[in-house]
Amino acid sequence: MTKTLSGRQAQAARNDEVILAAARAVFIADPGAPIAAVAERAGVGISALYRRYASKEELLRKLCADGLARYIEESEKALADDRDPWTAFEALLHALVDADTNSLTQRLAGTFTPTPELFEAAGRAGELNVAIYERTKEYLRPGIVVEDFAMILEQITSIKLGDEARTNRLRHRYLTLVLEAMRRTGEQPGGEPELPGPPPGADELTDRWRV
């Protein structure tokens, strides 16, 4: 049974959504922006914001936690998808582009101290990545490893041109092209050419979160 919020609780929940949306927009654009910029964008007083989030660092952690939760949710849905693994993989990456979780990774990594809970959630996301990779690897061109997934999504979500709708369409356009490049074809003489350079290591990706 869904619990009905009181009028005051519902208003507080709406205010929180507005604050988080504003914080996401502000800090993706400029991770060094002051928390006052979030209050201004959200249209709330700074005291109202501080009643909900005691510091900028707490707000950044919340954004990161929400992003990880969405990433985990989409990944679990992909593993439960009973379509063929490649179709489920394509759908997952397109869903993650819509969720835009990797924009947070790009911009917020190293700007705050993660909590044990965040590292735990990141560990869960990593486990899901491995499971998705194992399920999909027979469709992937040789040389692609699980750590490549994060780099590819970060490249796609770095695209920003025009308004939000135009940016979203462009990201899906280039994701479609990248997916074609990722898929094993076996049509070229000798197979796909070897990828240049080694992939990123797990430690390289994790170290970005250390302040």
C-alpha atoms as a PDB file:
ATOM      1  CA  MET A   1       0.000   0.000   0.000  1.00  0.00           C
ATOM      2  CA  THR A   2       1.403   3.390  -1.045  1.00  0.00           C
ATOM      3  CA  LYS A   3       1.735   5.854   1.784  1.00  0.00           C
ATOM      4  CA  THR A   4       0.039   9.180   1.092  1.00  0.00           C
ATOM      5  CA  LEU A   5       2.150  12.213   1.959  1.00  0.00           C
ATOM      6  CA  SER A   6       0.647  15.113   3.872  1.00  0.00           C
ATOM      7  CA  GLY A   7       0.468  18.466   2.109  1.00  0.00           C
ATOM      8  CA  ARG A   8       3.580  19.687   3.893  1.00  0.00           C
ATOM      9  CA  GLN A   9       5.484  16.459   3.162  1.00  0.00           C
ATOM     10  CA  ALA A  10       4.477  16.537  -0.495  1.00  0.00           C
ATOM     11  CA  GLN A  11       5.643  20.133  -0.801  1.00  0.00           C
ATOM     12  CA  ALA A  12       8.952  19.246   0.859  1.00  0.00           C
ATOM     13  CA  ALA A  13       9.400  16.356  -1.582  1.00  0.00           C
ATOM     14  CA  ARG A  14       8.702  18.660  -4.536  1.00  0.00           C
ATOM     15  CA  ASN A  15      11.154  21.227  -3.192  1.00  0.00           C
ATOM     16  CA  ASP A  16      13.792  18.525  -2.838  1.00  0.00           C
ATOM     17  CA  GLU A  17      13.289  17.430  -6.446  1.00  0.00           C
ATOM     18  CA  VAL A  18      13.685  21.032  -7.589  1.00  0.00           C
ATOM     19  CA  ILE A  19      16.862  21.475  -5.512  1.00  0.00           C
ATOM     20  CA  LEU A  20      18.407  18.246  -6.810  1.00  0.00           C
ATOM     21  CA  ALA A  21      17.580  19.082 -10.437  1.00  0.00           C
ATOM     22  CA  ALA A  22      19.116  22.519  -9.970  1.00  0.00           C
ATOM     23  CA  ALA A  23      22.205  21.087  -8.258  1.00  0.00           C
ATOM     24  CA  ARG A  24      22.707  18.569 -11.038  1.00  0.00           C
ATOM     25  CA  ALA A  25      22.530  21.269 -13.705  1.00  0.00           C
ATOM     26  CA  VAL A  26      24.773  23.675 -11.786  1.00  0.00           C
ATOM     27  CA  PHE A  27      27.487  21.197 -10.827  1.00  0.00           C
ATOM     28  CA  ILE A  28      27.623  19.407 -14.169  1.00  0.00           C
ATOM     29  CA  ALA A  29      28.234  22.795 -15.747  1.00  0.00           C
ATOM     30  CA  ASP A  30      30.723  23.868 -13.048  1.00  0.00           C
ATOM     31  CA  PRO A  31      31.693  21.519 -10.190  1.00  0.00           C
ATOM     32  CA  GLY A  32      33.339  24.462  -8.437  1.00  0.00           C
ATOM     33  CA  ALA A  33      30.157  26.549  -8.314  1.00  0.00           C
ATOM     34  CA  PRO A  34      29.021  27.696  -4.842  1.00  0.00           C
ATOM     35  CA  ILE A  35      25.966  26.167  -3.253  1.00  0.00           C
ATOM     36  CA  ALA A  36      24.319  29.603  -3.475  1.00  0.00           C
ATOM     37  CA  ALA A  37      24.149  29.087  -7.250  1.00  0.00           C
ATOM     38  CA  VAL A  38      21.994  26.017  -6.639  1.00  0.00           C
ATOM     39  CA  ALA A  39      19.617  27.955  -4.403  1.00  0.00           C
ATOM     40  CA  GLU A  40      19.327  30.695  -7.007  1.00  0.00           C
ATOM     41  CA  ARG A  41      18.602  28.249  -9.839  1.00  0.00           C
ATOM     42  CA  ALA A  42      16.103  26.325  -7.714  1.00  0.00           C
ATOM     43  CA  GLY A  43      14.355  29.529  -6.662  1.00  0.00           C
ATOM     44  CA  VAL A  44      14.674  28.798  -2.953  1.00  0.00           C
ATOM     45  CA  GLY A  45      16.362  30.679  -0.146  1.00  0.00           C
ATOM     46  CA  ILE A  46      19.827  29.560   0.898  1.00  0.00           C
ATOM     47  CA  SER A  47      18.538  28.813   4.416  1.00  0.00           C
ATOM     48  CA  ALA A  48      15.887  26.461   2.959  1.00  0.00           C
ATOM     49  CA  LEU A  49      18.573  24.644   1.018  1.00  0.00           C
ATOM     50  CA  TYR A  50      20.828  24.309   4.061  1.00  0.00           C
ATOM     51  CA  ARG A  51      17.949  22.865   6.079  1.00  0.00           C
ATOM     52  CA  ARG A  52      17.863  20.015   3.571  1.00  0.00           C
ATOM     53  CA  TYR A  53      21.592  19.711   2.805  1.00  0.00           C
ATOM     54  CA  ALA A  54      24.049  20.906   5.435  1.00  0.00           C
ATOM     55  CA  SER A  55      26.914  21.399   2.980  1.00  0.00           C
ATOM     56  CA  LYS A  56      27.868  21.349  -0.662  1.00  0.00           C
ATOM     57  CA  GLU A  57      29.673  18.053  -0.075  1.00  0.00           C
ATOM     58  CA  GLU A  58      26.494  16.455   1.277  1.00  0.00           C
ATOM     59  CA  LEU A  59      24.605  17.643  -1.788  1.00  0.00           C
ATOM     60  CA  LEU A  60      27.273  16.240  -4.115  1.00  0.00           C
ATOM     61  CA  ARG A  61      27.122  12.886  -2.338  1.00  0.00           C
ATOM     62  CA  LYS A  62      23.345  12.816  -2.774  1.00  0.00           C
ATOM     63  CA  LEU A  63      23.652  13.502  -6.496  1.00  0.00           C
ATOM     64  CA  CYS A  64      26.227  10.758  -6.845  1.00  0.00           C
ATOM     65  CA  ALA A  65      24.159   8.292  -4.807  1.00  0.00           C
ATOM     66  CA  ASP A  66      21.093   8.985  -6.948  1.00  0.00           C
ATOM     67  CA  GLY A  67      23.141   8.523 -10.124  1.00  0.00           C
ATOM     68  CA  LEU A  68      24.522   5.201  -8.917  1.00  0.00           C
ATOM     69  CA  ALA A  69      21.056   4.034  -7.870  1.00  0.00           C
ATOM     70  CA  ARG A  70      19.703   4.795 -11.350  1.00  0.00           C
ATOM     71  CA  TYR A  71      22.688   3.063 -12.977  1.00  0.00           C
ATOM     72  CA  ILE A  72      22.121  -0.041 -10.832  1.00  0.00           C
ATOM     73  CA  GLU A  73      18.390  -0.027 -11.577  1.00  0.00           C
ATOM     74  CA  GLU A  74      18.930   0.120 -15.347  1.00  0.00           C
ATOM     75  CA  SER A  75      21.655  -2.545 -15.224  1.00  0.00           C
ATOM     76  CA  GLU A  76      19.490  -4.938 -13.216  1.00  0.00           C
ATOM     77  CA  LYS A  77      16.670  -4.428 -15.719  1.00  0.00           C
ATOM     78  CA  ALA A  78      19.071  -5.262 -18.556  1.00  0.00           C
ATOM     79  CA  LEU A  79      20.134  -8.513 -16.900  1.00  0.00           C
ATOM     80  CA  ALA A  80      16.477  -9.445 -16.433  1.00  0.00           C
ATOM     81  CA  ASP A  81      15.716  -8.632 -20.094  1.00  0.00           C
ATOM     82  CA  ASP A  82      14.811 -11.899 -21.840  1.00  0.00           C
ATOM     83  CA  ARG A  83      15.648 -10.634 -25.328  1.00  0.00           C
ATOM     84  CA  ASP A  84      18.924 -11.634 -26.957  1.00  0.00           C
ATOM     85  CA  PRO A  85      21.963 -10.241 -25.072  1.00  0.00           C
ATOM     86  CA  TRP A  86      22.985  -7.744 -27.762  1.00  0.00           C
ATOM     87  CA  THR A  87      19.500  -6.206 -27.986  1.00  0.00           C
ATOM     88  CA  ALA A  88      19.386  -5.924 -24.181  1.00  0.00           C
ATOM     89  CA  PHE A  89      22.867  -4.357 -24.160  1.00  0.00           C
ATOM     90  CA  GLU A  90      21.909  -1.762 -26.770  1.00  0.00           C
ATOM     91  CA  ALA A  91      18.750  -0.916 -24.824  1.00  0.00           C
ATOM     92  CA  LEU A  92      20.783  -0.532 -21.621  1.00  0.00           C
ATOM     93  CA  LEU A  93      23.273   1.914 -23.108  1.00  0.00           C
ATOM     94  CA  HIS A  94      20.489   3.992 -24.652  1.00  0.00           C
ATOM     95  CA  ALA A  95      18.670   4.019 -21.281  1.00  0.00           C
ATOM     96  CA  LEU A  96      21.861   5.132 -19.518  1.00  0.00           C
ATOM     97  CA  VAL A  97      22.314   7.953 -22.031  1.00  0.00           C
ATOM     98  CA  ASP A  98      18.778   9.118 -21.209  1.00  0.00           C
ATOM     99  CA  ALA A  99      19.489   8.823 -17.473  1.00  0.00           C
ATOM    100  CA  ASP A 100      22.733  10.795 -18.015  1.00  0.00           C
ATOM    101  CA  THR A 101      24.406   9.188 -15.004  1.00  0.00           C
ATOM    102  CA  ASN A 102      27.849   9.379 -16.591  1.00  0.00           C
ATOM    103  CA  SER A 103      27.785  13.174 -16.807  1.00  0.00           C
ATOM    104  CA  LEU A 104      27.985  13.117 -13.015  1.00  0.00           C
ATOM    105  CA  THR A 105      30.956  10.753 -13.142  1.00  0.00           C
ATOM    106  CA  GLN A 106      32.788  13.035 -15.519  1.00  0.00           C
ATOM    107  CA  ARG A 107      32.213  16.228 -13.624  1.00  0.00           C
ATOM    108  CA  LEU A 108      32.054  15.229  -9.965  1.00  0.00           C
ATOM    109  CA  ALA A 109      34.852  12.654  -9.704  1.00  0.00           C
ATOM    110  CA  GLY A 110      37.443  13.892  -7.225  1.00  0.00           C
ATOM    111  CA  THR A 111      35.387  16.881  -6.035  1.00  0.00           C
ATOM    112  CA  PHE A 112      34.196  15.336  -2.745  1.00  0.00           C
ATOM    113  CA  THR A 113      35.021  12.504  -0.360  1.00  0.00           C
ATOM    114  CA  PRO A 114      32.866   9.417  -1.058  1.00  0.00           C
ATOM    115  CA  THR A 115      31.272   7.573   1.849  1.00  0.00           C
ATOM    116  CA  PRO A 116      31.536   3.805   2.445  1.00  0.00           C
ATOM    117  CA  GLU A 117      27.941   3.558   1.216  1.00  0.00           C
ATOM    118  CA  LEU A 118      28.904   5.160  -2.090  1.00  0.00           C
ATOM    119  CA  PHE A 119      31.829   2.791  -2.517  1.00  0.00           C
ATOM    120  CA  GLU A 120      29.473  -0.099  -1.758  1.00  0.00           C
ATOM    121  CA  ALA A 121      27.034   1.101  -4.423  1.00  0.00           C
ATOM    122  CA  ALA A 122      29.902   1.573  -6.875  1.00  0.00           C
ATOM    123  CA  GLY A 123      30.992  -1.982  -6.120  1.00  0.00           C
ATOM    124  CA  ARG A 124      27.497  -3.233  -6.915  1.00  0.00           C
ATOM    125  CA  ALA A 125      27.511  -1.286 -10.173  1.00  0.00           C
ATOM    126  CA  GLY A 126      30.857  -2.869 -11.006  1.00  0.00           C
ATOM    127  CA  GLU A 127      29.497  -6.367 -10.354  1.00  0.00           C
ATOM    128  CA  LEU A 128      26.595  -5.667 -12.674  1.00  0.00           C
ATOM    129  CA  ASN A 129      28.959  -4.366 -15.346  1.00  0.00           C
ATOM    130  CA  VAL A 130      30.905  -7.632 -15.206  1.00  0.00           C
ATOM    131  CA  ALA A 131      27.702  -9.679 -15.425  1.00  0.00           C
ATOM    132  CA  ILE A 132      26.532  -7.665 -18.437  1.00  0.00           C
ATOM    133  CA  TYR A 133      29.945  -8.000 -20.076  1.00  0.00           C
ATOM    134  CA  GLU A 134      30.002 -11.773 -19.556  1.00  0.00           C
ATOM    135  CA  ARG A 135      26.518 -12.022 -21.042  1.00  0.00           C
ATOM    136  CA  THR A 136      27.409  -9.849 -24.039  1.00  0.00           C
ATOM    137  CA  LYS A 137      31.086 -10.553 -24.769  1.00  0.00           C
ATOM    138  CA  GLU A 138      30.471 -13.073 -27.560  1.00  0.00           C
ATOM    139  CA  TYR A 139      28.856 -10.217 -29.502  1.00  0.00           C
ATOM    140  CA  LEU A 140      31.674  -7.738 -28.843  1.00  0.00           C
ATOM    141  CA  ARG A 141      34.689  -7.258 -31.079  1.00  0.00           C
ATOM    142  CA  PRO A 142      37.925  -8.675 -29.665  1.00  0.00           C
ATOM    143  CA  GLY A 143      39.860  -6.404 -27.348  1.00  0.00           C
ATOM    144  CA  ILE A 144      36.871  -4.754 -25.648  1.00  0.00           C
ATOM    145  CA  VAL A 145      36.889  -5.162 -21.865  1.00  0.00           C
ATOM    146  CA  VAL A 146      34.360  -4.270 -19.188  1.00  0.00           C
ATOM    147  CA  GLU A 147      36.261  -1.079 -18.216  1.00  0.00           C
ATOM    148  CA  ASP A 148      35.671   0.257 -21.729  1.00  0.00           C
ATOM    149  CA  PHE A 149      31.961   0.648 -21.000  1.00  0.00           C
ATOM    150  CA  ALA A 150      32.461   3.572 -18.605  1.00  0.00           C
ATOM    151  CA  MET A 151      34.813   5.408 -20.977  1.00  0.00           C
ATOM    152  CA  ILE A 152      32.441   4.998 -23.919  1.00  0.00           C
ATOM    153  CA  LEU A 153      29.464   6.330 -21.964  1.00  0.00           C
ATOM    154  CA  GLU A 154      31.494   9.264 -20.666  1.00  0.00           C
ATOM    155  CA  GLN A 155      32.511  10.182 -24.217  1.00  0.00           C
ATOM    156  CA  ILE A 156      28.908  10.053 -25.404  1.00  0.00           C
ATOM    157  CA  THR A 157      27.592  12.126 -22.495  1.00  0.00           C
ATOM    158  CA  SER A 158      30.269  14.763 -23.067  1.00  0.00           C
ATOM    159  CA  ILE A 159      28.315  15.800 -26.185  1.00  0.00           C
ATOM    160  CA  LYS A 160      26.485  19.079 -25.602  1.00  0.00           C
ATOM    161  CA  LEU A 161      25.059  21.064 -28.502  1.00  0.00           C
ATOM    162  CA  GLY A 162      21.923  23.166 -28.648  1.00  0.00           C
ATOM    163  CA  ASP A 163      19.155  22.632 -26.135  1.00  0.00           C
ATOM    164  CA  GLU A 164      18.539  19.551 -23.999  1.00  0.00           C
ATOM    165  CA  ALA A 165      16.417  17.803 -26.634  1.00  0.00           C
ATOM    166  CA  ARG A 166      18.998  18.390 -29.390  1.00  0.00           C
ATOM    167  CA  THR A 167      21.811  17.194 -27.143  1.00  0.00           C
ATOM    168  CA  ASN A 168      19.880  14.019 -26.290  1.00  0.00           C
ATOM    169  CA  ARG A 169      19.238  13.190 -29.954  1.00  0.00           C
ATOM    170  CA  LEU A 170      22.888  13.720 -30.850  1.00  0.00           C
ATOM    171  CA  ARG A 171      24.021  11.493 -28.016  1.00  0.00           C
ATOM    172  CA  HIS A 172      21.777   8.691 -29.258  1.00  0.00           C
ATOM    173  CA  ARG A 173      23.020   9.246 -32.810  1.00  0.00           C
ATOM    174  CA  TYR A 174      26.657   8.793 -31.834  1.00  0.00           C
ATOM    175  CA  LEU A 175      25.902   5.972 -29.417  1.00  0.00           C
ATOM    176  CA  THR A 176      24.333   4.081 -32.329  1.00  0.00           C
ATOM    177  CA  LEU A 177      27.524   4.596 -34.350  1.00  0.00           C
ATOM    178  CA  VAL A 178      29.700   3.488 -31.427  1.00  0.00           C
ATOM    179  CA  LEU A 179      27.590   0.367 -30.872  1.00  0.00           C
ATOM    180  CA  GLU A 180      28.111  -0.582 -34.504  1.00  0.00           C
ATOM    181  CA  ALA A 181      31.865  -0.243 -33.983  1.00  0.00           C
ATOM    182  CA  MET A 182      31.729  -2.331 -30.795  1.00  0.00           C
ATOM    183  CA  ARG A 183      29.905  -5.261 -32.323  1.00  0.00           C
ATOM    184  CA  ARG A 184      31.834  -8.238 -33.633  1.00  0.00           C
ATOM    185  CA  THR A 185      31.422  -8.620 -37.395  1.00  0.00           C
ATOM    186  CA  GLY A 186      34.035 -11.139 -38.551  1.00  0.00           C
ATOM    187  CA  GLU A 187      33.549  -9.778 -42.050  1.00  0.00           C
ATOM    188  CA  GLN A 188      36.977  -8.179 -42.503  1.00  0.00           C
ATOM    189  CA  PRO A 189      39.928 -10.330 -43.615  1.00  0.00           C
ATOM    190  CA  GLY A 190      41.623 -11.458 -40.416  1.00  0.00           C
ATOM    191  CA  GLY A 191      38.736 -10.136 -38.323  1.00  0.00           C
ATOM    192  CA  GLU A 192      38.480  -6.706 -36.717  1.00  0.00           C
ATOM    193  CA  PRO A 193      41.738  -4.713 -36.463  1.00  0.00           C
ATOM    194  CA  GLU A 194      43.435  -4.692 -33.093  1.00  0.00           C
ATOM    195  CA  LEU A 195      42.465  -1.787 -30.878  1.00  0.00           C
ATOM    196  CA  PRO A 196      45.303   0.689 -30.217  1.00  0.00           C
ATOM    197  CA  GLY A 197      46.565   1.073 -26.674  1.00  0.00           C
ATOM    198  CA  PRO A 198      45.544  -0.822 -23.549  1.00  0.00           C
ATOM    199  CA  PRO A 199      42.093  -0.325 -21.995  1.00  0.00           C
ATOM    200  CA  PRO A 200      41.737   1.629 -18.741  1.00  0.00           C
ATOM    201  CA  GLY A 201      42.464  -0.340 -15.596  1.00  0.00           C
ATOM    202  CA  ALA A 202      39.974  -0.649 -12.761  1.00  0.00           C
ATOM    203  CA  ASP A 203      42.399   1.224 -10.494  1.00  0.00           C
ATOM    204  CA  GLU A 204      42.599   4.125 -12.953  1.00  0.00           C
ATOM    205  CA  LEU A 205      38.823   4.500 -12.901  1.00  0.00           C
ATOM    206  CA  THR A 206      38.580   4.225  -9.108  1.00  0.00           C
ATOM    207  CA  ASP A 207      41.446   6.638  -8.418  1.00  0.00           C
ATOM    208  CA  ARG A 208      39.485   9.507  -9.968  1.00  0.00           C
ATOM    209  CA  TRP A 209      37.205   9.499  -6.909  1.00  0.00           C
ATOM    210  CA  ARG A 210      40.026  10.050  -4.456  1.00  0.00           C
ATOM    211  CA  VAL A 211      40.261  13.658  -3.267  1.00  0.00           C
END
